[in-house]
């Protein structure tokens, strides 16, 4: 099995020095998305969206 979205996000954060404001924004987005969202597939897709944001 490949890398999960959470693993990819952690890897990027550990490999790069992103501005604190960017990391806080992503954390806030992930927390908001997980509140009231019981669809695990949807959560994973949203985390991948944040991974793509950091990659760009």
PDB file of N, CA and C in Angstrom:
ATOM      1  N   UNK A   1       0.843  -1.182   0.000  1.00  0.00           N
ATOM      2  CA  UNK A   1       0.000   0.000   0.000  1.00  0.00           C
ATOM      3  C   UNK A   1       0.888   1.246   0.000  1.00  0.00           C
ATOM      4  N   UNK A   2       0.448   2.280  -0.675  1.00  0.00           N
ATOM      5  CA  UNK A   2       1.221   3.507  -0.786  1.00  0.00           C
ATOM      6  C   UNK A   2       1.092   4.398   0.437  1.00  0.00           C
ATOM      7  N   UNK A   3       1.702   5.511   0.317  1.00  0.00           N
ATOM      8  CA  UNK A   3       1.715   6.503   1.388  1.00  0.00           C
ATOM      9  C   UNK A   3       0.320   7.115   1.567  1.00  0.00           C
ATOM     10  N   UNK A   4      -0.138   7.202   2.803  1.00  0.00           N
ATOM     11  CA  UNK A   4      -1.430   7.839   3.069  1.00  0.00           C
ATOM     12  C   UNK A   4      -1.274   9.350   2.972  1.00  0.00           C
ATOM     13  N   UNK A   5      -2.384  10.049   2.892  1.00  0.00           N
ATOM     14  CA  UNK A   5      -2.352  11.512   2.803  1.00  0.00           C
ATOM     15  C   UNK A   5      -1.721  12.107   4.057  1.00  0.00           C
ATOM     16  N   UNK A   6      -2.061  11.563   5.211  1.00  0.00           N
ATOM     17  CA  UNK A   6      -1.496  12.053   6.459  1.00  0.00           C
ATOM     18  C   UNK A   6       0.011  11.861   6.513  1.00  0.00           C
ATOM     19  N   UNK A   7       0.481  10.716   6.021  1.00  0.00           N
ATOM     20  CA  UNK A   7       1.918  10.457   5.981  1.00  0.00           C
ATOM     21  C   UNK A   7       2.607  11.423   5.031  1.00  0.00           C
ATOM     22  N   UNK A   8       2.000  11.675   3.893  1.00  0.00           N
ATOM     23  CA  UNK A   8       2.576  12.602   2.915  1.00  0.00           C
ATOM     24  C   UNK A   8       2.644  14.018   3.486  1.00  0.00           C
ATOM     25  N   UNK A   9       1.590  14.412   4.176  1.00  0.00           N
ATOM     26  CA  UNK A   9       1.558  15.741   4.793  1.00  0.00           C
ATOM     27  C   UNK A   9       2.668  15.871   5.836  1.00  0.00           C
ATOM     28  N   UNK A  10       2.798  14.874   6.698  1.00  0.00           N
ATOM     29  CA  UNK A  10       3.858  14.890   7.710  1.00  0.00           C
ATOM     30  C   UNK A  10       5.240  14.909   7.080  1.00  0.00           C
ATOM     31  N   UNK A  11       5.430  14.134   6.014  1.00  0.00           N
ATOM     32  CA  UNK A  11       6.719  14.089   5.335  1.00  0.00           C
ATOM     33  C   UNK A  11       7.086  15.460   4.793  1.00  0.00           C
ATOM     34  N   UNK A  12       6.146  16.118   4.131  1.00  0.00           N
ATOM     35  CA  UNK A  12       6.408  17.442   3.570  1.00  0.00           C
ATOM     36  C   UNK A  12       6.735  18.462   4.651  1.00  0.00           C
ATOM     37  N   UNK A  13       5.985  18.414   5.737  1.00  0.00           N
ATOM     38  CA  UNK A  13       6.213  19.362   6.836  1.00  0.00           C
ATOM     39  C   UNK A  13       7.594  19.147   7.447  1.00  0.00           C
ATOM     40  N   UNK A  14       8.016  17.889   7.551  1.00  0.00           N
ATOM     41  CA  UNK A  14       9.331  17.592   8.129  1.00  0.00           C
ATOM     42  C   UNK A  14      10.478  17.904   7.176  1.00  0.00           C
ATOM     43  N   UNK A  15      10.237  17.834   5.881  1.00  0.00           N
ATOM     44  CA  UNK A  15      11.298  18.052   4.893  1.00  0.00           C
ATOM     45  C   UNK A  15      11.509  19.520   4.552  1.00  0.00           C
ATOM     46  N   UNK A  16      10.506  20.351   4.773  1.00  0.00           N
ATOM     47  CA  UNK A  16      10.572  21.744   4.349  1.00  0.00           C
ATOM     48  C   UNK A  16      10.271  22.682   5.512  1.00  0.00           C
ATOM     49  N   UNK A  17      10.738  23.885   5.399  1.00  0.00           N
ATOM     50  CA  UNK A  17      10.465  24.901   6.412  1.00  0.00           C
ATOM     51  C   UNK A  17       9.397  25.860   5.872  1.00  0.00           C
ATOM     52  N   UNK A  18       8.150  25.456   6.048  1.00  0.00           N
ATOM     53  CA  UNK A  18       7.038  26.285   5.604  1.00  0.00           C
ATOM     54  C   UNK A  18       6.812  27.405   6.611  1.00  0.00           C
ATOM     55  N   UNK A  19       6.339  28.543   6.133  1.00  0.00           N
ATOM     56  CA  UNK A  19       6.019  29.632   7.075  1.00  0.00           C
ATOM     57  C   UNK A  19       4.957  29.173   8.081  1.00  0.00           C
ATOM     58  N   UNK A  20       5.068  29.671   9.289  1.00  0.00           N
ATOM     59  CA  UNK A  20       4.134  29.284  10.351  1.00  0.00           C
ATOM     60  C   UNK A  20       2.690  29.597   9.969  1.00  0.00           C
ATOM     61  N   UNK A  21       2.483  30.701   9.274  1.00  0.00           N
ATOM     62  CA  UNK A  21       1.125  31.081   8.877  1.00  0.00           C
ATOM     63  C   UNK A  21       0.519  30.031   7.943  1.00  0.00           C
ATOM     64  N   UNK A  22       1.324  29.441   7.088  1.00  0.00           N
ATOM     65  CA  UNK A  22       0.839  28.399   6.169  1.00  0.00           C
ATOM     66  C   UNK A  22       0.452  27.152   6.953  1.00  0.00           C
ATOM     67  N   UNK A  23       1.314  26.758   7.883  1.00  0.00           N
ATOM     68  CA  UNK A  23       1.023  25.559   8.680  1.00  0.00           C
ATOM     69  C   UNK A  23      -0.220  25.747   9.540  1.00  0.00           C
ATOM     70  N   UNK A  24      -0.379  26.926  10.129  1.00  0.00           N
ATOM     71  CA  UNK A  24      -1.579  27.199  10.933  1.00  0.00           C
ATOM     72  C   UNK A  24      -2.831  27.172  10.069  1.00  0.00           C
ATOM     73  N   UNK A  25      -2.733  27.700   8.863  1.00  0.00           N
ATOM     74  CA  UNK A  25      -3.874  27.705   7.948  1.00  0.00           C
ATOM     75  C   UNK A  25      -4.289  26.277   7.605  1.00  0.00           C
ATOM     76  N   UNK A  26      -3.322  25.448   7.266  1.00  0.00           N
ATOM     77  CA  UNK A  26      -3.628  24.058   6.915  1.00  0.00           C
ATOM     78  C   UNK A  26      -4.206  23.313   8.109  1.00  0.00           C
ATOM     79  N   UNK A  27      -3.614  23.503   9.283  1.00  0.00           N
ATOM     80  CA  UNK A  27      -4.136  22.840  10.484  1.00  0.00           C
ATOM     81  C   UNK A  27      -5.579  23.260  10.757  1.00  0.00           C
ATOM     82  N   UNK A  28      -5.856  24.548  10.633  1.00  0.00           N
ATOM     83  CA  UNK A  28      -7.220  25.034  10.825  1.00  0.00           C
ATOM     84  C   UNK A  28      -8.188  24.441   9.826  1.00  0.00           C
ATOM     85  N   UNK A  29      -7.754  24.351   8.577  1.00  0.00           N
ATOM     86  CA  UNK A  29      -8.605  23.756   7.537  1.00  0.00           C
ATOM     87  C   UNK A  29      -8.894  22.281   7.829  1.00  0.00           C
ATOM     88  N   UNK A  30      -7.863  21.557   8.239  1.00  0.00           N
ATOM     89  CA  UNK A  30      -8.044  20.128   8.534  1.00  0.00           C
ATOM     90  C   UNK A  30      -8.953  19.919   9.733  1.00  0.00           C
ATOM     91  N   UNK A  31      -8.808  20.754  10.741  1.00  0.00           N
ATOM     92  CA  UNK A  31      -9.676  20.642  11.915  1.00  0.00           C
ATOM     93  C   UNK A  31     -11.121  20.951  11.543  1.00  0.00           C
ATOM     94  N   UNK A  32     -11.328  21.989  10.763  1.00  0.00           N
ATOM     95  CA  UNK A  32     -12.692  22.345  10.341  1.00  0.00           C
ATOM     96  C   UNK A  32     -13.312  21.232   9.509  1.00  0.00           C
ATOM     97  N   UNK A  33     -12.520  20.635   8.643  1.00  0.00           N
ATOM     98  CA  UNK A  33     -13.026  19.576   7.780  1.00  0.00           C
ATOM     99  C   UNK A  33     -13.407  18.329   8.572  1.00  0.00           C
ATOM    100  N   UNK A  34     -12.675  18.047   9.642  1.00  0.00           N
ATOM    101  CA  UNK A  34     -12.959  16.827  10.396  1.00  0.00           C
ATOM    102  C   UNK A  34     -14.166  16.968  11.321  1.00  0.00           C
ATOM    103  N   UNK A  35     -14.520  18.189  11.666  1.00  0.00           N
ATOM    104  CA  UNK A  35     -15.682  18.402  12.534  1.00  0.00           C
ATOM    105  C   UNK A  35     -16.963  18.092  11.773  1.00  0.00           C
ATOM    106  N   UNK A  36     -17.683  17.136  12.231  1.00  0.00           N
ATOM    107  CA  UNK A  36     -18.960  16.796  11.619  1.00  0.00           C
ATOM    108  C   UNK A  36     -18.846  16.035  10.315  1.00  0.00           C
ATOM    109  N   UNK A  37     -17.623  15.694   9.908  1.00  0.00           N
ATOM    110  CA  UNK A  37     -17.438  14.944   8.672  1.00  0.00           C
ATOM    111  C   UNK A  37     -17.071  13.512   9.042  1.00  0.00           C
ATOM    112  N   UNK A  38     -17.995  12.595   8.860  1.00  0.00           N
ATOM    113  CA  UNK A  38     -17.763  11.198   9.218  1.00  0.00           C
ATOM    114  C   UNK A  38     -17.336  10.353   8.023  1.00  0.00           C
ATOM    115  N   UNK A  39     -17.187  10.968   6.868  1.00  0.00           N
ATOM    116  CA  UNK A  39     -16.804  10.249   5.656  1.00  0.00           C
ATOM    117  C   UNK A  39     -15.277  10.201   5.564  1.00  0.00           C
ATOM    118  N   UNK A  40     -14.708   9.045   5.884  1.00  0.00           N
ATOM    119  CA  UNK A  40     -13.248   8.898   5.912  1.00  0.00           C
ATOM    120  C   UNK A  40     -12.626   9.118   4.532  1.00  0.00           C
ATOM    121  N   UNK A  41     -13.307   8.692   3.495  1.00  0.00           N
ATOM    122  CA  UNK A  41     -12.789   8.880   2.133  1.00  0.00           C
ATOM    123  C   UNK A  41     -12.737  10.372   1.787  1.00  0.00           C
ATOM    124  N   UNK A  42     -13.734  11.093   2.202  1.00  0.00           N
ATOM    125  CA  UNK A  42     -13.779  12.539   1.978  1.00  0.00           C
ATOM    126  C   UNK A  42     -12.669  13.238   2.757  1.00  0.00           C
ATOM    127  N   UNK A  43     -12.449  12.814   3.997  1.00  0.00           N
ATOM    128  CA  UNK A  43     -11.376  13.392   4.812  1.00  0.00           C
ATOM    129  C   UNK A  43     -10.021  13.170   4.154  1.00  0.00           C
ATOM    130  N   UNK A  44      -9.789  11.942   3.682  1.00  0.00           N
ATOM    131  CA  UNK A  44      -8.519  11.601   3.038  1.00  0.00           C
ATOM    132  C   UNK A  44      -8.320  12.449   1.779  1.00  0.00           C
ATOM    133  N   UNK A  45      -9.373  12.629   1.002  1.00  0.00           N
ATOM    134  CA  UNK A  45      -9.284  13.443  -0.208  1.00  0.00           C
ATOM    135  C   UNK A  45      -8.940  14.889   0.136  1.00  0.00           C
ATOM    136  N   UNK A  46      -9.500  15.400   1.211  1.00  0.00           N
ATOM    137  CA  UNK A  46      -9.228  16.774   1.610  1.00  0.00           C
ATOM    138  C   UNK A  46      -7.785  16.929   2.083  1.00  0.00           C
ATOM    139  N   UNK A  47      -7.273  15.930   2.787  1.00  0.00           N
ATOM    140  CA  UNK A  47      -5.872  15.976   3.214  1.00  0.00           C
ATOM    141  C   UNK A  47      -4.962  15.959   1.982  1.00  0.00           C
ATOM    142  N   UNK A  48      -5.286  15.142   0.976  1.00  0.00           N
ATOM    143  CA  UNK A  48      -4.495  15.133  -0.259  1.00  0.00           C
ATOM    144  C   UNK A  48      -4.523  16.502  -0.927  1.00  0.00           C
ATOM    145  N   UNK A  49      -5.635  17.185  -0.846  1.00  0.00           N
ATOM    146  CA  UNK A  49      -5.725  18.532  -1.405  1.00  0.00           C
ATOM    147  C   UNK A  49      -4.722  19.459  -0.709  1.00  0.00           C
ATOM    148  N   UNK A  50      -4.591  19.328   0.598  1.00  0.00           N
ATOM    149  CA  UNK A  50      -3.645  20.148   1.357  1.00  0.00           C
ATOM    150  C   UNK A  50      -2.198  19.744   1.014  1.00  0.00           C
ATOM    151  N   UNK A  51      -1.966  18.463   0.780  1.00  0.00           N
ATOM    152  CA  UNK A  51      -0.639  17.997   0.361  1.00  0.00           C
ATOM    153  C   UNK A  51      -0.265  18.642  -0.970  1.00  0.00           C
ATOM    154  N   UNK A  52      -1.200  18.646  -1.916  1.00  0.00           N
ATOM    155  CA  UNK A  52      -0.926  19.269  -3.228  1.00  0.00           C
ATOM    156  C   UNK A  52      -0.632  20.746  -3.073  1.00  0.00           C
ATOM    157  N   UNK A  53      -1.340  21.400  -2.162  1.00  0.00           N
ATOM    158  CA  UNK A  53      -1.098  22.830  -1.898  1.00  0.00           C
ATOM    159  C   UNK A  53       0.349  23.035  -1.454  1.00  0.00           C
ATOM    160  N   UNK A  54       0.826  22.232  -0.516  1.00  0.00           N
ATOM    161  CA  UNK A  54       2.194  22.368  -0.032  1.00  0.00           C
ATOM    162  C   UNK A  54       3.225  22.016  -1.113  1.00  0.00           C
ATOM    163  N   UNK A  55       2.895  21.046  -1.936  1.00  0.00           N
ATOM    164  CA  UNK A  55       3.821  20.653  -3.000  1.00  0.00           C
ATOM    165  C   UNK A  55       4.008  21.756  -4.030  1.00  0.00           C
ATOM    166  N   UNK A  56       2.975  22.571  -4.203  1.00  0.00           N
ATOM    167  CA  UNK A  56       3.075  23.645  -5.196  1.00  0.00           C
ATOM    168  C   UNK A  56       3.701  24.865  -4.575  1.00  0.00           C
TER     169      UNK A  56
END
